[in-house]
C-alpha cells in the first residue's frame, strides 16, 4: 500500500498538474468558459492516451533498438534529472511553455496535452515505472491506473484553474513546481544509481 502511495505522489510530481495552470490559462484566454472546459477535458484525455502509448509500446521500441535495461535506467535517470533541474533552477515549467504558444486555435494538443501534461519527463517516468523486467503485469496495471487517477486530478485542477490561481497565486504555483522538481530529481538519481549498481554487479 505504501508503495502505491509513493508511486502516486511521484506521478503527481512528474506530471505537475499545478504547474500546468498558468499554461492552460494563457492558452485558453481567447475562449469562453464552455470551450475552456472542453479544452481541459480533451487535453487530459489526449495526454493519458499519449502516456498509455508509451507504457505499452515504449519498452518494445527500446528493446528493438537493443538498449539494455541498465543503459535505459541510467539514461532515463539522466534525462529525468535534467528535466527536474529545469523545474528547480530554470524559469519554471509555466513560463517556458507559455512562451511556446503561437496558435490559440490548436492549444488542446500543444502546449496543454504536450508538453505541459504529457511532458518528456512524464513519458520517460511511465516507461521506467512499467519496465517488463522489473514489474509484473499486475504492478504495471496498477501504475497505469495511478496515471489515470493523476490525469483525472489534473483535469479537475484545470477546470478550476481560474479559482486556484487566485487562491495560490503565480508565486505559489512556482514554489510547488520547484518542490515537484526536487522530488523528481531524487527519483532520477535513484534510477541512475540502480542502473550503475546493477551493471557492475553483472560485469
N, C-alpha and C. Protein backbone atom coordinates (compact mmCIF):
# COMPACT_ATOMS: atom_id res chain seq x y z
N UNK A 1 0.83 -1.21 0.00
CA UNK A 1 0.00 0.00 0.00
C UNK A 1 0.86 1.26 0.00
N UNK A 2 1.92 1.25 0.82
CA UNK A 2 2.83 2.38 0.89
C UNK A 2 3.51 2.60 -0.46
N UNK A 3 3.84 1.49 -1.14
CA UNK A 3 4.49 1.56 -2.45
C UNK A 3 3.59 2.28 -3.46
N UNK A 4 2.29 1.98 -3.42
CA UNK A 4 1.35 2.60 -4.35
C UNK A 4 1.17 4.09 -4.05
N UNK A 5 1.15 4.42 -2.77
CA UNK A 5 1.03 5.84 -2.39
C UNK A 5 2.26 6.61 -2.84
N UNK A 6 3.43 5.99 -2.68
CA UNK A 6 4.68 6.62 -3.13
C UNK A 6 4.65 6.84 -4.64
N UNK A 7 4.20 5.82 -5.37
CA UNK A 7 4.11 5.92 -6.83
C UNK A 7 3.13 7.01 -7.23
N UNK A 8 2.03 7.11 -6.49
CA UNK A 8 1.01 8.12 -6.78
C UNK A 8 1.59 9.53 -6.64
N UNK A 9 2.34 9.75 -5.56
CA UNK A 9 2.95 11.06 -5.33
C UNK A 9 4.02 11.35 -6.38
N UNK A 10 4.75 10.31 -6.77
CA UNK A 10 5.79 10.52 -7.78
C UNK A 10 5.17 10.90 -9.12
N UNK A 11 4.11 10.20 -9.52
CA UNK A 11 3.44 10.52 -10.78
C UNK A 11 2.87 11.93 -10.74
N UNK A 12 2.33 12.30 -9.59
CA UNK A 12 1.81 13.67 -9.42
C UNK A 12 2.94 14.68 -9.60
N UNK A 13 4.12 14.35 -9.06
CA UNK A 13 5.27 15.26 -9.14
C UNK A 13 5.75 15.41 -10.57
N UNK A 14 5.82 14.30 -11.30
CA UNK A 14 6.38 14.36 -12.65
C UNK A 14 5.41 14.99 -13.64
N UNK A 15 4.11 14.80 -13.46
CA UNK A 15 3.12 15.44 -14.33
C UNK A 15 2.92 16.90 -13.93
N UNK A 16 3.01 17.17 -12.63
CA UNK A 16 2.94 18.53 -12.09
C UNK A 16 1.68 19.27 -12.56
N UNK A 17 0.50 18.82 -12.14
CA UNK A 17 -0.76 19.46 -12.56
C UNK A 17 -0.85 20.94 -12.18
N UNK A 18 -0.33 21.29 -10.99
CA UNK A 18 -0.38 22.69 -10.55
C UNK A 18 0.41 23.59 -11.49
N UNK A 19 1.55 23.09 -11.94
CA UNK A 19 2.39 23.86 -12.84
C UNK A 19 1.76 24.08 -14.20
N UNK A 20 0.75 23.28 -14.53
CA UNK A 20 0.07 23.43 -15.82
C UNK A 20 -0.99 24.53 -15.81
N UNK A 21 -1.33 25.04 -14.63
CA UNK A 21 -2.39 26.05 -14.53
C UNK A 21 -2.08 27.30 -15.36
N UNK A 22 -0.91 27.94 -15.18
CA UNK A 22 -0.63 29.14 -15.98
C UNK A 22 -0.60 28.87 -17.48
N UNK A 23 -0.08 27.69 -17.85
CA UNK A 23 -0.03 27.32 -19.27
C UNK A 23 -1.45 27.23 -19.83
N UNK A 24 -2.31 26.56 -19.09
CA UNK A 24 -3.70 26.38 -19.51
C UNK A 24 -4.43 27.72 -19.60
N UNK A 25 -4.25 28.57 -18.60
CA UNK A 25 -4.94 29.86 -18.58
C UNK A 25 -4.47 30.75 -19.73
N UNK A 26 -3.17 30.74 -20.00
CA UNK A 26 -2.63 31.54 -21.10
C UNK A 26 -3.13 31.01 -22.44
N UNK A 27 -3.13 29.69 -22.58
CA UNK A 27 -3.51 29.07 -23.86
C UNK A 27 -4.99 29.23 -24.17
N UNK A 28 -5.83 29.36 -23.14
CA UNK A 28 -7.28 29.42 -23.35
C UNK A 28 -7.87 30.81 -23.10
N UNK A 29 -7.03 31.82 -23.01
CA UNK A 29 -7.54 33.15 -22.67
C UNK A 29 -8.46 33.74 -23.73
N UNK A 30 -8.39 33.21 -24.97
CA UNK A 30 -9.23 33.72 -26.05
C UNK A 30 -10.58 33.00 -26.13
N UNK A 31 -10.81 32.02 -25.24
CA UNK A 31 -12.01 31.20 -25.32
C UNK A 31 -12.98 31.51 -24.19
N UNK A 32 -14.26 31.18 -24.43
CA UNK A 32 -15.25 31.37 -23.37
C UNK A 32 -15.20 30.18 -22.41
N UNK A 33 -15.98 30.23 -21.34
CA UNK A 33 -15.92 29.22 -20.28
C UNK A 33 -16.23 27.82 -20.79
N UNK A 34 -17.24 27.69 -21.66
CA UNK A 34 -17.63 26.37 -22.18
C UNK A 34 -16.49 25.74 -22.95
N UNK A 35 -15.86 26.52 -23.85
CA UNK A 35 -14.75 25.99 -24.64
C UNK A 35 -13.52 25.71 -23.78
N UNK A 36 -13.32 26.50 -22.74
CA UNK A 36 -12.21 26.24 -21.82
C UNK A 36 -12.36 24.87 -21.16
N UNK A 37 -13.58 24.56 -20.75
CA UNK A 37 -13.83 23.25 -20.11
C UNK A 37 -13.61 22.11 -21.10
N UNK A 38 -14.06 22.31 -22.35
CA UNK A 38 -13.88 21.27 -23.37
C UNK A 38 -12.39 21.04 -23.63
N UNK A 39 -11.63 22.12 -23.69
CA UNK A 39 -10.19 22.02 -23.93
C UNK A 39 -9.51 21.27 -22.78
N UNK A 40 -9.89 21.57 -21.54
CA UNK A 40 -9.30 20.91 -20.37
C UNK A 40 -9.54 19.41 -20.41
N UNK A 41 -10.77 19.02 -20.73
CA UNK A 41 -11.13 17.60 -20.77
C UNK A 41 -10.43 16.89 -21.92
N UNK A 42 -10.47 17.49 -23.10
CA UNK A 42 -9.85 16.86 -24.28
C UNK A 42 -8.34 16.75 -24.14
N UNK A 43 -7.72 17.78 -23.59
CA UNK A 43 -6.27 17.76 -23.41
C UNK A 43 -5.86 16.68 -22.41
N UNK A 44 -6.65 16.51 -21.36
CA UNK A 44 -6.35 15.50 -20.35
C UNK A 44 -6.50 14.10 -20.92
N UNK A 45 -7.57 13.87 -21.69
CA UNK A 45 -7.78 12.57 -22.32
C UNK A 45 -6.65 12.26 -23.30
N UNK A 46 -6.29 13.25 -24.09
CA UNK A 46 -5.21 13.08 -25.07
C UNK A 46 -3.89 12.77 -24.37
N UNK A 47 -3.60 13.48 -23.29
CA UNK A 47 -2.36 13.26 -22.56
C UNK A 47 -2.31 11.85 -21.99
N UNK A 48 -3.45 11.36 -21.48
CA UNK A 48 -3.48 10.00 -20.93
C UNK A 48 -3.17 8.97 -22.01
N UNK A 49 -3.76 9.12 -23.18
CA UNK A 49 -3.52 8.14 -24.25
C UNK A 49 -2.09 8.22 -24.77
N UNK A 50 -1.49 9.40 -24.72
CA UNK A 50 -0.08 9.52 -25.09
C UNK A 50 0.79 8.75 -24.11
N UNK A 51 0.53 8.93 -22.82
CA UNK A 51 1.29 8.20 -21.79
C UNK A 51 1.00 6.70 -21.86
N UNK A 52 -0.25 6.34 -22.13
CA UNK A 52 -0.61 4.92 -22.26
C UNK A 52 0.14 4.28 -23.43
N UNK A 53 0.27 5.02 -24.51
CA UNK A 53 1.01 4.52 -25.67
C UNK A 53 2.44 4.16 -25.28
N UNK A 54 3.09 5.04 -24.52
CA UNK A 54 4.47 4.78 -24.14
C UNK A 54 4.58 3.72 -23.05
N UNK A 55 3.53 3.57 -22.24
CA UNK A 55 3.51 2.48 -21.26
C UNK A 55 3.50 1.13 -21.99
N UNK A 56 2.71 1.05 -23.06
CA UNK A 56 2.55 -0.21 -23.80
C UNK A 56 3.68 -0.44 -24.79
N UNK A 57 4.06 0.60 -25.53
CA UNK A 57 4.97 0.45 -26.66
C UNK A 57 6.41 0.90 -26.36
N UNK A 58 6.56 1.79 -25.39
CA UNK A 58 7.87 2.40 -25.14
C UNK A 58 9.00 1.40 -24.97
N UNK A 59 8.79 0.39 -24.14
CA UNK A 59 9.86 -0.57 -23.88
C UNK A 59 10.14 -1.43 -25.12
N UNK A 60 9.10 -1.75 -25.89
CA UNK A 60 9.29 -2.56 -27.10
C UNK A 60 10.19 -1.82 -28.09
N UNK A 61 10.00 -0.51 -28.19
CA UNK A 61 10.82 0.29 -29.08
C UNK A 61 12.28 0.25 -28.63
N UNK A 62 12.49 0.40 -27.33
CA UNK A 62 13.86 0.39 -26.79
C UNK A 62 14.52 -0.97 -26.96
N UNK A 63 13.76 -2.03 -26.72
CA UNK A 63 14.31 -3.37 -26.87
C UNK A 63 14.61 -3.67 -28.33
N UNK A 64 13.78 -3.14 -29.22
CA UNK A 64 14.02 -3.31 -30.65
C UNK A 64 15.30 -2.64 -31.09
N UNK A 65 15.71 -1.64 -30.34
CA UNK A 65 16.97 -0.93 -30.62
C UNK A 65 18.13 -1.54 -29.83
N UNK A 66 17.87 -2.66 -29.16
CA UNK A 66 18.89 -3.38 -28.37
C UNK A 66 19.47 -2.53 -27.25
N UNK A 67 18.62 -1.74 -26.61
CA UNK A 67 19.04 -0.94 -25.46
C UNK A 67 18.87 -1.77 -24.20
N UNK A 68 19.94 -1.95 -23.42
CA UNK A 68 19.86 -2.76 -22.21
C UNK A 68 19.09 -2.04 -21.12
N UNK A 69 18.60 -2.82 -20.16
CA UNK A 69 17.86 -2.26 -19.05
C UNK A 69 18.72 -1.28 -18.26
N UNK A 70 19.98 -1.66 -18.02
CA UNK A 70 20.87 -0.79 -17.25
C UNK A 70 21.09 0.54 -17.97
N UNK A 71 21.34 0.47 -19.26
CA UNK A 71 21.56 1.69 -20.05
C UNK A 71 20.32 2.57 -20.04
N UNK A 72 19.15 1.92 -20.13
CA UNK A 72 17.90 2.67 -20.14
C UNK A 72 17.66 3.34 -18.79
N UNK A 73 17.93 2.61 -17.71
CA UNK A 73 17.75 3.19 -16.39
C UNK A 73 18.65 4.40 -16.17
N UNK A 74 19.91 4.26 -16.60
CA UNK A 74 20.87 5.35 -16.41
C UNK A 74 20.50 6.55 -17.29
N UNK A 75 20.27 6.29 -18.57
CA UNK A 75 19.94 7.39 -19.49
C UNK A 75 18.61 8.03 -19.13
N UNK A 76 17.64 7.19 -18.77
CA UNK A 76 16.34 7.72 -18.36
C UNK A 76 16.45 8.56 -17.11
N UNK A 77 17.29 8.10 -16.18
CA UNK A 77 17.51 8.86 -14.95
C UNK A 77 18.17 10.20 -15.21
N UNK A 78 19.14 10.21 -16.15
CA UNK A 78 19.83 11.45 -16.50
C UNK A 78 18.85 12.45 -17.11
N UNK A 79 17.99 11.95 -18.03
CA UNK A 79 17.01 12.83 -18.67
C UNK A 79 16.03 13.39 -17.64
N UNK A 80 15.56 12.53 -16.76
CA UNK A 80 14.64 12.97 -15.71
C UNK A 80 15.32 14.00 -14.80
N UNK A 81 16.60 13.75 -14.51
CA UNK A 81 17.32 14.67 -13.63
C UNK A 81 17.47 16.05 -14.28
N UNK A 82 17.81 16.07 -15.56
CA UNK A 82 17.94 17.34 -16.28
C UNK A 82 16.60 18.06 -16.36
N UNK A 83 15.54 17.28 -16.57
CA UNK A 83 14.19 17.85 -16.60
C UNK A 83 13.85 18.45 -15.24
N UNK A 84 14.23 17.73 -14.18
CA UNK A 84 13.95 18.21 -12.82
C UNK A 84 14.73 19.50 -12.53
N UNK A 85 15.95 19.59 -13.04
CA UNK A 85 16.76 20.80 -12.82
C UNK A 85 16.11 22.02 -13.46
N UNK A 86 15.48 21.83 -14.63
CA UNK A 86 14.81 22.96 -15.27
C UNK A 86 13.62 23.41 -14.44
N UNK A 87 12.99 22.46 -13.73
CA UNK A 87 11.87 22.81 -12.86
C UNK A 87 12.36 23.56 -11.62
N UNK A 88 13.55 23.19 -11.14
CA UNK A 88 14.07 23.78 -9.90
C UNK A 88 14.78 25.11 -10.14
N UNK A 89 15.67 25.13 -11.14
CA UNK A 89 16.52 26.31 -11.33
C UNK A 89 16.15 27.17 -12.53
N UNK A 90 15.34 26.62 -13.44
CA UNK A 90 15.01 27.36 -14.65
C UNK A 90 13.93 28.40 -14.42
N UNK A 91 13.44 28.95 -15.54
CA UNK A 91 12.36 29.93 -15.45
C UNK A 91 11.09 29.31 -14.92
N UNK A 92 11.05 27.98 -14.98
CA UNK A 92 9.87 27.28 -14.49
C UNK A 92 9.06 26.73 -15.64
N UNK A 93 8.39 25.63 -15.39
CA UNK A 93 7.58 24.98 -16.42
C UNK A 93 6.53 25.91 -17.00
N UNK A 94 5.77 26.64 -16.18
CA UNK A 94 4.73 27.51 -16.74
C UNK A 94 5.25 28.53 -17.73
N UNK A 95 6.24 29.35 -17.36
CA UNK A 95 6.72 30.40 -18.24
C UNK A 95 7.33 29.83 -19.51
N UNK A 96 8.07 28.75 -19.37
CA UNK A 96 8.74 28.14 -20.52
C UNK A 96 7.72 27.68 -21.55
N UNK A 97 6.63 27.08 -21.09
CA UNK A 97 5.64 26.55 -22.02
C UNK A 97 4.68 27.63 -22.50
N UNK A 98 4.43 28.62 -21.68
CA UNK A 98 3.59 29.74 -22.11
C UNK A 98 4.23 30.46 -23.29
N UNK A 99 5.55 30.56 -23.27
CA UNK A 99 6.25 31.27 -24.33
C UNK A 99 6.21 30.54 -25.66
N UNK A 100 5.83 29.26 -25.64
CA UNK A 100 5.78 28.49 -26.88
C UNK A 100 4.42 28.60 -27.58
N UNK A 101 3.46 29.24 -26.97
CA UNK A 101 2.13 29.33 -27.55
C UNK A 101 2.15 30.31 -28.73
N UNK A 102 1.88 29.78 -29.92
CA UNK A 102 1.84 30.63 -31.11
C UNK A 102 0.51 30.55 -31.83
N UNK A 103 -0.26 29.49 -31.59
CA UNK A 103 -1.53 29.32 -32.28
C UNK A 103 -2.60 28.97 -31.25
N UNK A 104 -3.50 29.89 -30.97
CA UNK A 104 -4.53 29.67 -29.96
C UNK A 104 -5.66 28.76 -30.46
N UNK A 105 -5.63 28.38 -31.73
CA UNK A 105 -6.68 27.52 -32.28
C UNK A 105 -6.39 26.04 -32.05
N UNK A 106 -5.16 25.71 -31.75
CA UNK A 106 -4.79 24.30 -31.58
C UNK A 106 -4.13 24.04 -30.23
N UNK A 107 -4.55 24.77 -29.22
CA UNK A 107 -3.89 24.69 -27.92
C UNK A 107 -4.17 23.39 -27.17
N UNK A 108 -5.23 22.67 -27.56
CA UNK A 108 -5.53 21.41 -26.87
C UNK A 108 -4.37 20.45 -26.97
N UNK A 109 -3.81 20.33 -28.17
CA UNK A 109 -2.68 19.42 -28.38
C UNK A 109 -1.40 20.04 -27.85
N UNK A 110 -1.12 21.25 -28.29
CA UNK A 110 0.12 21.93 -27.90
C UNK A 110 -0.19 23.35 -27.48
N UNK A 111 0.16 23.78 -26.29
CA UNK A 111 1.10 23.12 -25.37
C UNK A 111 0.44 22.43 -24.17
N UNK A 112 -0.91 22.27 -24.17
CA UNK A 112 -1.55 21.74 -22.95
C UNK A 112 -1.34 20.24 -22.80
N UNK A 113 -1.79 19.44 -23.81
CA UNK A 113 -1.60 17.99 -23.73
C UNK A 113 -0.12 17.64 -23.77
N UNK A 114 0.58 18.23 -24.75
CA UNK A 114 2.03 18.07 -24.90
C UNK A 114 2.63 19.46 -25.03
N UNK A 115 3.62 19.86 -24.27
CA UNK A 115 4.34 19.06 -23.27
C UNK A 115 3.94 19.38 -21.83
N UNK A 116 2.83 20.12 -21.63
CA UNK A 116 2.50 20.53 -20.26
C UNK A 116 2.10 19.36 -19.38
N UNK A 117 1.18 18.50 -19.89
CA UNK A 117 0.74 17.35 -19.09
C UNK A 117 1.60 16.13 -19.41
N UNK A 118 1.59 15.69 -20.65
CA UNK A 118 2.43 14.56 -21.08
C UNK A 118 3.79 15.10 -21.49
N UNK A 119 4.57 15.48 -20.51
CA UNK A 119 5.89 16.07 -20.76
C UNK A 119 6.91 14.97 -21.06
N UNK A 120 8.07 15.34 -21.61
CA UNK A 120 9.12 14.33 -21.82
C UNK A 120 9.48 13.60 -20.53
N UNK A 121 9.51 14.33 -19.42
CA UNK A 121 9.80 13.71 -18.12
C UNK A 121 8.75 12.70 -17.72
N UNK A 122 7.48 13.03 -17.95
CA UNK A 122 6.38 12.13 -17.62
C UNK A 122 6.44 10.87 -18.48
N UNK A 123 6.74 11.06 -19.77
CA UNK A 123 6.84 9.91 -20.68
C UNK A 123 7.95 8.97 -20.23
N UNK A 124 9.11 9.55 -19.94
CA UNK A 124 10.24 8.72 -19.50
C UNK A 124 9.92 8.03 -18.18
N UNK A 125 9.24 8.73 -17.28
CA UNK A 125 8.91 8.16 -15.97
C UNK A 125 7.99 6.96 -16.09
N UNK A 126 6.94 7.07 -16.92
CA UNK A 126 5.99 5.94 -17.01
C UNK A 126 6.63 4.73 -17.68
N UNK A 127 7.57 4.97 -18.60
CA UNK A 127 8.28 3.84 -19.21
C UNK A 127 9.15 3.14 -18.17
N UNK A 128 9.84 3.94 -17.34
CA UNK A 128 10.67 3.36 -16.28
C UNK A 128 9.84 2.59 -15.26
N UNK A 129 8.64 3.11 -14.96
CA UNK A 129 7.80 2.52 -13.92
C UNK A 129 7.02 1.29 -14.39
N UNK A 130 7.10 0.99 -15.69
CA UNK A 130 6.38 -0.18 -16.21
C UNK A 130 7.33 -1.10 -16.97
N UNK A 131 8.58 -1.14 -16.53
CA UNK A 131 9.57 -1.99 -17.18
C UNK A 131 9.22 -3.46 -16.97
N UNK A 132 9.13 -4.21 -18.07
CA UNK A 132 8.72 -5.62 -18.00
C UNK A 132 9.70 -6.50 -17.24
N UNK A 133 10.97 -6.07 -17.16
CA UNK A 133 11.98 -6.87 -16.48
C UNK A 133 11.94 -6.67 -14.96
N UNK A 134 11.28 -5.64 -14.52
CA UNK A 134 11.25 -5.32 -13.08
C UNK A 134 9.86 -5.51 -12.49
N UNK A 135 8.83 -5.10 -13.22
CA UNK A 135 7.47 -5.07 -12.68
C UNK A 135 6.58 -6.12 -13.34
N UNK A 136 5.70 -6.74 -12.54
CA UNK A 136 4.75 -7.71 -13.05
C UNK A 136 3.63 -6.99 -13.80
N UNK A 137 2.83 -7.76 -14.53
CA UNK A 137 1.70 -7.19 -15.27
C UNK A 137 0.74 -6.51 -14.30
N UNK A 138 0.54 -7.13 -13.13
CA UNK A 138 -0.36 -6.56 -12.13
C UNK A 138 0.15 -5.20 -11.65
N UNK A 139 1.46 -5.11 -11.40
CA UNK A 139 2.06 -3.85 -10.95
C UNK A 139 1.97 -2.79 -12.05
N UNK A 140 2.17 -3.19 -13.28
CA UNK A 140 2.09 -2.25 -14.40
C UNK A 140 0.65 -1.76 -14.59
N UNK A 141 -0.31 -2.66 -14.36
CA UNK A 141 -1.72 -2.28 -14.45
C UNK A 141 -2.07 -1.25 -13.39
N UNK A 142 -1.56 -1.48 -12.17
CA UNK A 142 -1.79 -0.53 -11.07
C UNK A 142 -1.17 0.82 -11.41
N UNK A 143 0.06 0.80 -11.94
CA UNK A 143 0.73 2.05 -12.32
C UNK A 143 -0.07 2.80 -13.37
N UNK A 144 -0.60 2.07 -14.36
CA UNK A 144 -1.43 2.69 -15.40
C UNK A 144 -2.67 3.32 -14.79
N UNK A 145 -3.27 2.62 -13.83
CA UNK A 145 -4.45 3.17 -13.14
C UNK A 145 -4.09 4.43 -12.37
N UNK A 146 -2.92 4.43 -11.72
CA UNK A 146 -2.48 5.60 -10.96
C UNK A 146 -2.24 6.80 -11.89
N UNK A 147 -1.70 6.52 -13.07
CA UNK A 147 -1.52 7.58 -14.08
C UNK A 147 -2.88 8.16 -14.45
N UNK A 148 -3.87 7.27 -14.64
CA UNK A 148 -5.23 7.71 -14.98
C UNK A 148 -5.80 8.58 -13.87
N UNK A 149 -5.56 8.19 -12.61
CA UNK A 149 -6.06 8.96 -11.46
C UNK A 149 -5.45 10.37 -11.47
N UNK A 150 -4.14 10.46 -11.67
CA UNK A 150 -3.48 11.76 -11.67
C UNK A 150 -3.92 12.61 -12.86
N UNK A 151 -4.14 11.99 -13.99
CA UNK A 151 -4.66 12.73 -15.15
C UNK A 151 -6.06 13.25 -14.84
N UNK A 152 -6.85 12.45 -14.14
CA UNK A 152 -8.18 12.89 -13.72
C UNK A 152 -8.09 14.08 -12.77
N UNK A 153 -7.15 14.00 -11.83
CA UNK A 153 -6.92 15.12 -10.91
C UNK A 153 -6.47 16.36 -11.68
N UNK A 154 -5.60 16.15 -12.66
CA UNK A 154 -5.12 17.25 -13.50
C UNK A 154 -6.28 17.92 -14.21
N UNK A 155 -7.19 17.12 -14.75
CA UNK A 155 -8.36 17.65 -15.45
C UNK A 155 -9.21 18.51 -14.51
N UNK A 156 -9.44 18.02 -13.30
CA UNK A 156 -10.22 18.77 -12.31
C UNK A 156 -9.53 20.08 -11.94
N UNK A 157 -8.21 20.03 -11.82
CA UNK A 157 -7.44 21.23 -11.49
C UNK A 157 -7.56 22.26 -12.61
N UNK A 158 -7.48 21.80 -13.85
CA UNK A 158 -7.60 22.72 -14.98
C UNK A 158 -9.00 23.32 -15.07
N UNK A 159 -10.01 22.51 -14.74
CA UNK A 159 -11.39 23.00 -14.78
C UNK A 159 -11.64 24.10 -13.74
N UNK A 160 -10.85 24.07 -12.68
CA UNK A 160 -10.99 25.09 -11.62
C UNK A 160 -9.76 26.00 -11.58
N UNK A 161 -9.07 26.10 -12.72
CA UNK A 161 -7.78 26.80 -12.79
C UNK A 161 -7.87 28.26 -12.39
N UNK A 162 -8.91 28.96 -12.87
CA UNK A 162 -9.03 30.38 -12.55
C UNK A 162 -9.14 30.61 -11.04
N UNK A 163 -9.95 29.78 -10.39
CA UNK A 163 -10.14 29.91 -8.95
C UNK A 163 -8.86 29.57 -8.20
N UNK A 164 -8.17 28.49 -8.62
CA UNK A 164 -6.95 28.07 -7.94
C UNK A 164 -5.83 29.10 -8.09
N UNK A 165 -5.73 29.70 -9.27
CA UNK A 165 -4.68 30.70 -9.47
C UNK A 165 -4.89 31.91 -8.56
N UNK A 166 -6.15 32.28 -8.36
CA UNK A 166 -6.45 33.40 -7.47
C UNK A 166 -6.09 33.06 -6.03
N UNK A 167 -6.33 31.79 -5.64
CA UNK A 167 -6.05 31.36 -4.27
C UNK A 167 -4.56 31.18 -4.02
N UNK A 168 -3.89 30.49 -4.95
CA UNK A 168 -2.47 30.15 -4.76
C UNK A 168 -1.57 31.30 -5.20
N UNK A 169 -1.91 31.91 -6.34
CA UNK A 169 -1.06 32.97 -6.89
C UNK A 169 0.05 32.39 -7.74
N UNK A 170 0.61 33.19 -8.63
CA UNK A 170 1.69 32.71 -9.51
C UNK A 170 2.92 32.30 -8.71
N UNK A 171 3.20 33.01 -7.62
CA UNK A 171 4.35 32.68 -6.79
C UNK A 171 4.17 31.30 -6.15
N UNK A 172 2.98 31.04 -5.64
CA UNK A 172 2.69 29.74 -5.03
C UNK A 172 2.82 28.61 -6.02
N UNK A 173 2.35 28.84 -7.25
CA UNK A 173 2.45 27.82 -8.30
C UNK A 173 3.91 27.52 -8.61
N UNK A 174 4.73 28.56 -8.67
CA UNK A 174 6.16 28.39 -8.95
C UNK A 174 6.84 27.59 -7.84
N UNK A 175 6.51 27.88 -6.59
CA UNK A 175 7.09 27.17 -5.45
C UNK A 175 6.73 25.69 -5.50
N UNK A 176 5.45 25.39 -5.78
CA UNK A 176 5.00 24.00 -5.85
C UNK A 176 5.73 23.26 -6.97
N UNK A 177 5.89 23.91 -8.13
CA UNK A 177 6.59 23.28 -9.25
C UNK A 177 8.03 22.94 -8.89
N UNK A 178 8.68 23.82 -8.13
CA UNK A 178 10.07 23.57 -7.74
C UNK A 178 10.17 22.43 -6.73
N UNK A 179 9.18 22.31 -5.86
CA UNK A 179 9.14 21.18 -4.92
C UNK A 179 8.96 19.87 -5.69
N UNK A 180 8.07 19.88 -6.69
CA UNK A 180 7.86 18.70 -7.53
C UNK A 180 9.16 18.35 -8.26
N UNK A 181 9.90 19.37 -8.69
CA UNK A 181 11.17 19.14 -9.36
C UNK A 181 12.19 18.47 -8.45
N UNK A 182 12.19 18.86 -7.17
CA UNK A 182 13.10 18.27 -6.20
C UNK A 182 12.79 16.78 -5.98
N UNK A 183 11.51 16.46 -5.89
CA UNK A 183 11.09 15.06 -5.73
C UNK A 183 11.51 14.25 -6.96
N UNK A 184 11.28 14.82 -8.13
CA UNK A 184 11.64 14.16 -9.38
C UNK A 184 13.15 13.94 -9.47
N UNK A 185 13.94 14.92 -9.04
CA UNK A 185 15.40 14.80 -9.08
C UNK A 185 15.87 13.64 -8.20
N UNK A 186 15.24 13.47 -7.05
CA UNK A 186 15.60 12.37 -6.13
C UNK A 186 15.34 11.02 -6.78
N UNK A 187 14.18 10.88 -7.44
CA UNK A 187 13.85 9.63 -8.13
C UNK A 187 14.85 9.37 -9.26
N UNK A 188 15.21 10.44 -9.99
CA UNK A 188 16.13 10.31 -11.12
C UNK A 188 17.49 9.80 -10.65
N UNK A 189 18.00 10.37 -9.56
CA UNK A 189 19.30 9.94 -9.02
C UNK A 189 19.24 8.48 -8.58
N UNK A 190 18.12 8.09 -7.97
CA UNK A 190 17.95 6.69 -7.55
C UNK A 190 17.98 5.76 -8.75
N UNK A 191 17.34 6.17 -9.85
CA UNK A 191 17.33 5.36 -11.07
C UNK A 191 18.74 5.21 -11.63
N UNK A 192 19.51 6.29 -11.63
CA UNK A 192 20.89 6.25 -12.13
C UNK A 192 21.74 5.32 -11.28
N UNK A 193 21.63 5.46 -9.95
CA UNK A 193 22.42 4.62 -9.04
C UNK A 193 22.05 3.14 -9.18
N UNK A 194 20.76 2.86 -9.36
CA UNK A 194 20.31 1.47 -9.53
C UNK A 194 20.88 0.87 -10.81
N UNK A 195 20.86 1.65 -11.88
CA UNK A 195 21.39 1.18 -13.15
C UNK A 195 22.88 0.91 -13.09
N UNK A 196 23.63 1.81 -12.47
CA UNK A 196 25.08 1.64 -12.33
C UNK A 196 25.41 0.44 -11.46
N UNK A 197 24.70 0.32 -10.33
CA UNK A 197 24.92 -0.78 -9.41
C UNK A 197 24.65 -2.12 -10.07
N UNK A 198 23.53 -2.21 -10.80
CA UNK A 198 23.15 -3.46 -11.46
C UNK A 198 24.17 -3.81 -12.57
N UNK A 199 24.65 -2.80 -13.26
CA UNK A 199 25.62 -3.04 -14.36
C UNK A 199 26.91 -3.63 -13.81
N UNK A 200 27.48 -3.03 -12.75
CA UNK A 200 28.75 -3.50 -12.21
C UNK A 200 28.59 -4.83 -11.47
N UNK A 201 27.38 -5.12 -10.99
CA UNK A 201 27.14 -6.41 -10.34
C UNK A 201 27.19 -7.55 -11.34
N UNK A 202 26.76 -7.26 -12.57
CA UNK A 202 26.69 -8.30 -13.61
C UNK A 202 27.89 -8.33 -14.53
N UNK A 203 28.86 -7.42 -14.30
CA UNK A 203 30.06 -7.42 -15.15
C UNK A 203 30.94 -8.62 -14.84
